[in-house]
Amino acid sequence: MIIAMLLTFTASVFGQTVAIGHVTAEVIEAVSASASTISSFDLAKDSETVKLGAITVFSGKDITCNVVLKAANLSDASGNAFTIDPTVNNDTNTAVAQANGAQTLQLNGTANMNSNQAAGQYAGSYTVVFAYN
């Protein structure tokens, strides 16, 4: 009897787990950009606005994106430096593609130099990010 009871209590129990996931995606048209930037200009004042050029974005029509600009740190061979804060011409930092899918953004910048900034040739870069919703 004891053996019969042990066999009864050693039965295995199996369970099954099911996981279901759902994935959604929105496919948008391809996006490309073309830049005609200005890479050389003369500065004479401590704080001066300069034209940095234009970027044309090609995407689907009526697509909106946010434009994020990061400051440019410029320096010369001697270690002298200053910054340029870039801005978009419409001041909203939002680009909306036209009916043909193109949007041209004029980029400007404010040079933040010291009053005794050394003359010379400075080099640097700025970052432009297009964040699509």
C-alpha atoms as a PDB file:
ATOM      1  CA  MET A   1       0.000   0.000   0.000  1.00  0.00           C
ATOM      2  CA  ILE A   2       2.791   2.393   0.762  1.00  0.00           C
ATOM      3  CA  ILE A   3       4.251   1.825  -2.716  1.00  0.00           C
ATOM      4  CA  ALA A   4       0.885   2.500  -4.293  1.00  0.00           C
ATOM      5  CA  MET A   5       0.598   5.782  -2.391  1.00  0.00           C
ATOM      6  CA  LEU A   6       4.114   6.883  -3.425  1.00  0.00           C
ATOM      7  CA  LEU A   7       3.348   6.210  -7.059  1.00  0.00           C
ATOM      8  CA  THR A   8       0.197   8.273  -6.770  1.00  0.00           C
ATOM      9  CA  PHE A   9       2.019  11.312  -5.350  1.00  0.00           C
ATOM     10  CA  THR A  10       4.927  11.328  -7.821  1.00  0.00           C
ATOM     11  CA  ALA A  11       2.852  12.220 -10.857  1.00  0.00           C
ATOM     12  CA  SER A  12       4.299  15.132 -12.891  1.00  0.00           C
ATOM     13  CA  VAL A  13       2.343  18.270 -13.679  1.00  0.00           C
ATOM     14  CA  PHE A  14       2.978  20.191 -16.928  1.00  0.00           C
ATOM     15  CA  GLY A  15       1.849  23.701 -17.837  1.00  0.00           C
ATOM     16  CA  GLN A  16       1.972  25.821 -20.950  1.00  0.00           C
ATOM     17  CA  THR A  17       2.718  29.545 -21.217  1.00  0.00           C
ATOM     18  CA  VAL A  18       1.593  31.592 -24.202  1.00  0.00           C
ATOM     19  CA  ALA A  19       2.791  35.143 -24.946  1.00  0.00           C
ATOM     20  CA  ILE A  20       1.201  37.255 -27.656  1.00  0.00           C
ATOM     21  CA  GLY A  21       2.725  40.524 -28.823  1.00  0.00           C
ATOM     22  CA  HIS A  22       1.530  43.145 -31.253  1.00  0.00           C
ATOM     23  CA  VAL A  23       3.846  45.375 -33.282  1.00  0.00           C
ATOM     24  CA  THR A  24       2.789  48.409 -35.247  1.00  0.00           C
ATOM     25  CA  ALA A  25       4.850  50.480 -37.640  1.00  0.00           C
ATOM     26  CA  GLU A  26       4.284  53.494 -39.796  1.00  0.00           C
ATOM     27  CA  VAL A  27       6.158  53.539 -43.058  1.00  0.00           C
ATOM     28  CA  ILE A  28       6.998  56.993 -44.349  1.00  0.00           C
ATOM     29  CA  GLU A  29       8.656  58.040 -47.519  1.00  0.00           C
ATOM     30  CA  ALA A  30      12.413  58.304 -47.733  1.00  0.00           C
ATOM     31  CA  VAL A  31      14.027  61.499 -46.483  1.00  0.00           C
ATOM     32  CA  SER A  32      17.141  63.137 -47.893  1.00  0.00           C
ATOM     33  CA  ALA A  33      18.897  66.462 -47.428  1.00  0.00           C
ATOM     34  CA  SER A  34      21.079  68.676 -49.559  1.00  0.00           C
ATOM     35  CA  ALA A  35      23.216  71.423 -48.049  1.00  0.00           C
ATOM     36  CA  SER A  36      24.685  74.563 -49.562  1.00  0.00           C
ATOM     37  CA  THR A  37      26.538  75.931 -46.582  1.00  0.00           C
ATOM     38  CA  ILE A  38      28.925  78.834 -46.288  1.00  0.00           C
ATOM     39  CA  SER A  39      32.294  77.767 -44.992  1.00  0.00           C
ATOM     40  CA  SER A  40      34.184  81.051 -44.944  1.00  0.00           C
ATOM     41  CA  PHE A  41      33.237  84.527 -43.800  1.00  0.00           C
ATOM     42  CA  ASP A  42      34.803  87.560 -42.120  1.00  0.00           C
ATOM     43  CA  LEU A  43      33.764  88.739 -38.668  1.00  0.00           C
ATOM     44  CA  ALA A  44      34.504  92.231 -37.415  1.00  0.00           C
ATOM     45  CA  LYS A  45      32.332  92.698 -34.298  1.00  0.00           C
ATOM     46  CA  ASP A  46      32.150  91.030 -30.891  1.00  0.00           C
ATOM     47  CA  SER A  47      28.659  89.668 -31.604  1.00  0.00           C
ATOM     48  CA  GLU A  48      27.593  89.468 -35.211  1.00  0.00           C
ATOM     49  CA  THR A  49      24.916  87.556 -37.105  1.00  0.00           C
ATOM     50  CA  VAL A  50      26.195  85.566 -40.066  1.00  0.00           C
ATOM     51  CA  LYS A  51      24.484  83.537 -42.774  1.00  0.00           C
ATOM     52  CA  LEU A  52      25.581  79.909 -42.573  1.00  0.00           C
ATOM     53  CA  GLY A  53      23.810  78.723 -45.732  1.00  0.00           C
ATOM     54  CA  ALA A  54      20.753  76.614 -46.459  1.00  0.00           C
ATOM     55  CA  ILE A  55      19.665  73.012 -46.142  1.00  0.00           C
ATOM     56  CA  THR A  56      16.944  71.606 -48.370  1.00  0.00           C
ATOM     57  CA  VAL A  57      15.099  68.594 -46.975  1.00  0.00           C
ATOM     58  CA  PHE A  58      13.240  66.289 -49.363  1.00  0.00           C
ATOM     59  CA  SER A  59      10.516  64.107 -47.801  1.00  0.00           C
ATOM     60  CA  GLY A  60       6.883  63.237 -48.251  1.00  0.00           C
ATOM     61  CA  LYS A  61       4.480  66.144 -48.588  1.00  0.00           C
ATOM     62  CA  ASP A  62       3.067  67.755 -45.446  1.00  0.00           C
ATOM     63  CA  ILE A  63       5.498  65.916 -43.135  1.00  0.00           C
ATOM     64  CA  THR A  64       6.616  67.868 -40.063  1.00  0.00           C
ATOM     65  CA  CYS A  65       9.923  67.566 -38.243  1.00  0.00           C
ATOM     66  CA  ASN A  66      11.681  69.390 -35.436  1.00  0.00           C
ATOM     67  CA  VAL A  67      15.083  70.904 -36.142  1.00  0.00           C
ATOM     68  CA  VAL A  68      17.675  70.708 -33.363  1.00  0.00           C
ATOM     69  CA  LEU A  69      20.791  72.858 -33.740  1.00  0.00           C
ATOM     70  CA  LYS A  70      23.889  72.622 -31.568  1.00  0.00           C
ATOM     71  CA  ALA A  71      26.423  75.414 -31.178  1.00  0.00           C
ATOM     72  CA  ALA A  72      29.634  75.467 -33.164  1.00  0.00           C
ATOM     73  CA  ASN A  73      32.912  75.709 -31.279  1.00  0.00           C
ATOM     74  CA  LEU A  74      35.492  77.376 -33.486  1.00  0.00           C
ATOM     75  CA  SER A  75      39.202  77.540 -32.742  1.00  0.00           C
ATOM     76  CA  ASP A  76      42.402  78.583 -34.463  1.00  0.00           C
ATOM     77  CA  ALA A  77      45.844  76.958 -34.566  1.00  0.00           C
ATOM     78  CA  SER A  78      46.923  78.951 -31.473  1.00  0.00           C
ATOM     79  CA  GLY A  79      44.055  77.681 -29.311  1.00  0.00           C
ATOM     80  CA  ASN A  80      41.936  80.839 -29.436  1.00  0.00           C
ATOM     81  CA  ALA A  81      38.237  80.003 -29.578  1.00  0.00           C
ATOM     82  CA  PHE A  82      34.685  81.338 -29.756  1.00  0.00           C
ATOM     83  CA  THR A  83      31.209  79.933 -30.433  1.00  0.00           C
ATOM     84  CA  ILE A  84      28.530  80.428 -33.046  1.00  0.00           C
ATOM     85  CA  ASP A  85      24.927  79.722 -32.060  1.00  0.00           C
ATOM     86  CA  PRO A  86      23.039  78.572 -35.186  1.00  0.00           C
ATOM     87  CA  THR A  87      19.342  79.360 -35.718  1.00  0.00           C
ATOM     88  CA  VAL A  88      16.716  78.515 -38.337  1.00  0.00           C
ATOM     89  CA  ASN A  89      15.255  81.433 -40.284  1.00  0.00           C
ATOM     90  CA  ASN A  90      11.665  80.854 -39.067  1.00  0.00           C
ATOM     91  CA  ASP A  91      12.606  80.760 -35.332  1.00  0.00           C
ATOM     92  CA  THR A  92      10.169  77.904 -34.607  1.00  0.00           C
ATOM     93  CA  ASN A  93      12.688  75.094 -35.168  1.00  0.00           C
ATOM     94  CA  THR A  94       9.950  73.189 -37.007  1.00  0.00           C
ATOM     95  CA  ALA A  95      10.104  72.335 -40.691  1.00  0.00           C
ATOM     96  CA  VAL A  96       7.003  71.450 -42.700  1.00  0.00           C
ATOM     97  CA  ALA A  97       7.474  69.916 -46.133  1.00  0.00           C
ATOM     98  CA  GLN A  98       5.669  71.673 -48.962  1.00  0.00           C
ATOM     99  CA  ALA A  99       3.282  69.930 -51.374  1.00  0.00           C
ATOM    100  CA  ASN A 100       6.234  68.765 -53.495  1.00  0.00           C
ATOM    101  CA  GLY A 101       7.991  67.336 -50.404  1.00  0.00           C
ATOM    102  CA  ALA A 102      10.788  69.937 -50.252  1.00  0.00           C
ATOM    103  CA  GLN A 103      11.557  72.389 -47.469  1.00  0.00           C
ATOM    104  CA  THR A 104      14.488  74.822 -47.538  1.00  0.00           C
ATOM    105  CA  LEU A 105      15.807  76.100 -44.234  1.00  0.00           C
ATOM    106  CA  GLN A 106      18.026  79.165 -44.078  1.00  0.00           C
ATOM    107  CA  LEU A 107      20.585  78.806 -41.279  1.00  0.00           C
ATOM    108  CA  ASN A 108      21.947  81.867 -39.526  1.00  0.00           C
ATOM    109  CA  GLY A 109      24.306  82.116 -36.594  1.00  0.00           C
ATOM    110  CA  THR A 110      25.347  84.543 -33.902  1.00  0.00           C
ATOM    111  CA  ALA A 111      29.095  84.751 -33.316  1.00  0.00           C
ATOM    112  CA  ASN A 112      29.987  85.117 -29.637  1.00  0.00           C
ATOM    113  CA  MET A 113      33.505  86.524 -29.620  1.00  0.00           C
ATOM    114  CA  ASN A 114      35.525  88.256 -26.922  1.00  0.00           C
ATOM    115  CA  SER A 115      36.162  91.963 -27.296  1.00  0.00           C
ATOM    116  CA  ASN A 116      39.865  91.158 -27.736  1.00  0.00           C
ATOM    117  CA  GLN A 117      39.396  88.098 -29.975  1.00  0.00           C
ATOM    118  CA  ALA A 118      42.588  87.317 -31.877  1.00  0.00           C
ATOM    119  CA  ALA A 119      42.383  87.781 -35.637  1.00  0.00           C
ATOM    120  CA  GLY A 120      42.931  84.717 -37.761  1.00  0.00           C
ATOM    121  CA  GLN A 121      41.370  81.756 -39.415  1.00  0.00           C
ATOM    122  CA  TYR A 122      39.077  79.647 -37.205  1.00  0.00           C
ATOM    123  CA  ALA A 123      37.545  76.258 -37.961  1.00  0.00           C
ATOM    124  CA  GLY A 124      34.754  74.207 -36.396  1.00  0.00           C
ATOM    125  CA  SER A 125      31.434  72.541 -37.072  1.00  0.00           C
ATOM    126  CA  TYR A 126      27.831  72.613 -35.915  1.00  0.00           C
ATOM    127  CA  THR A 127      25.253  69.847 -35.699  1.00  0.00           C
ATOM    128  CA  VAL A 128      21.807  69.843 -37.310  1.00  0.00           C
ATOM    129  CA  VAL A 129      19.347  67.089 -36.318  1.00  0.00           C
ATOM    130  CA  PHE A 130      15.977  66.491 -37.983  1.00  0.00           C
ATOM    131  CA  ALA A 131      13.600  64.711 -35.577  1.00  0.00           C
ATOM    132  CA  TYR A 132      10.553  63.299 -37.359  1.00  0.00           C
ATOM    133  CA  ASN A 133       7.427  62.538 -35.328  1.00  0.00           C
END
